[in-house]
Amino acid sequence: MKTAVFIVLRGMIKGRVQLKKNKEFSIQRFHPWIFSGAIESKLEGAIMDGDWVTVCLSRGESSGAMVIIRMAQ
């Protein structure tokens, strides 16, 4: 099994997003994606595709970082 490790420097983080209550289970099970329906709000920053953001749980605590990629629906 291959494991990808991403090192994100503090200066690379462009903003924060907060997950909805009861939508944290997917990342707690190490699912690689967070879908837009699980995001409660964009907390700060002008977030664009390719930007790194901090992911906050519904309680406000930081859970990690992710890259924003919006796909056409």
Protein backbone atom coordinates (compact mmCIF):
# COMPACT_ATOMS: atom_id res chain seq x y z
CA MET A 1 0.00 0.00 0.00
CA LYS A 2 1.37 3.41 -0.97
CA THR A 3 0.99 6.36 1.34
CA ALA A 4 1.11 9.96 0.20
CA VAL A 5 2.51 12.48 2.63
CA PHE A 6 1.94 16.18 2.11
CA ILE A 7 3.95 18.79 3.94
CA VAL A 8 2.12 22.10 3.97
CA LEU A 9 3.95 25.19 5.04
CA ARG A 10 2.08 27.78 7.06
CA GLY A 11 2.44 30.39 4.29
CA MET A 12 0.71 28.08 1.81
CA ILE A 13 -2.58 28.01 3.74
CA LYS A 14 -4.98 30.50 2.13
CA GLY A 15 -8.07 30.13 4.33
CA ARG A 16 -10.24 27.87 6.48
CA VAL A 17 -13.41 25.88 5.93
CA GLN A 18 -15.65 24.42 8.63
CA LEU A 19 -17.48 21.12 8.30
CA LYS A 20 -21.15 20.67 9.13
CA LYS A 21 -22.11 18.86 12.30
CA ASN A 22 -22.29 15.09 11.73
CA LYS A 23 -20.31 15.35 8.46
CA GLU A 24 -16.94 14.66 10.05
CA PHE A 25 -17.19 10.87 9.95
CA SER A 26 -15.82 10.60 6.41
CA ILE A 27 -12.51 12.25 7.24
CA GLN A 28 -12.32 10.37 10.52
CA ARG A 29 -12.46 7.20 8.40
CA PHE A 30 -9.67 8.66 6.20
CA HIS A 31 -11.88 9.19 3.14
CA PRO A 32 -9.80 11.23 0.65
CA TRP A 33 -12.58 13.65 -0.39
CA ILE A 34 -14.73 16.22 1.35
CA PHE A 35 -17.75 17.07 -0.75
CA SER A 36 -19.27 20.56 -0.86
CA GLY A 37 -22.39 19.39 0.98
CA ALA A 38 -20.26 18.66 4.07
CA ILE A 39 -18.87 22.20 4.28
CA GLU A 40 -20.76 24.53 6.61
CA SER A 41 -18.94 27.71 5.76
CA LYS A 42 -15.83 29.33 4.45
CA LEU A 43 -14.38 30.99 7.54
CA GLU A 44 -11.72 33.20 6.04
CA GLY A 45 -9.76 33.94 2.92
CA ALA A 46 -10.46 34.36 -0.76
CA ILE A 47 -10.29 30.67 -1.66
CA MET A 48 -9.65 29.64 -5.25
CA ASP A 49 -9.00 26.31 -6.98
CA GLY A 50 -5.62 24.88 -6.02
CA ASP A 51 -5.42 26.74 -2.70
CA TRP A 52 -4.59 24.89 0.52
CA VAL A 53 -7.07 25.46 3.35
CA THR A 54 -7.29 24.35 6.96
CA VAL A 55 -10.22 22.00 7.63
CA CYS A 56 -12.03 22.68 10.90
CA LEU A 57 -14.47 20.30 12.54
CA SER A 58 -17.94 21.56 13.46
CA ARG A 59 -16.66 22.28 16.98
CA GLY A 60 -14.04 24.62 15.51
CA GLU A 61 -10.94 22.50 16.09
CA SER A 62 -8.48 22.04 13.24
CA SER A 63 -8.40 18.61 11.63
CA GLY A 64 -5.86 19.04 8.86
CA ALA A 65 -5.43 20.68 5.48
CA MET A 66 -6.76 20.09 1.99
CA VAL A 67 -6.57 21.49 -1.52
CA ILE A 68 -9.71 23.13 -2.91
CA ILE A 69 -10.80 21.77 -6.30
CA ARG A 70 -14.20 22.81 -7.58
CA MET A 71 -15.57 20.61 -10.32
CA ALA A 72 -18.29 21.52 -12.79
CA GLN A 73 -21.59 19.96 -11.87
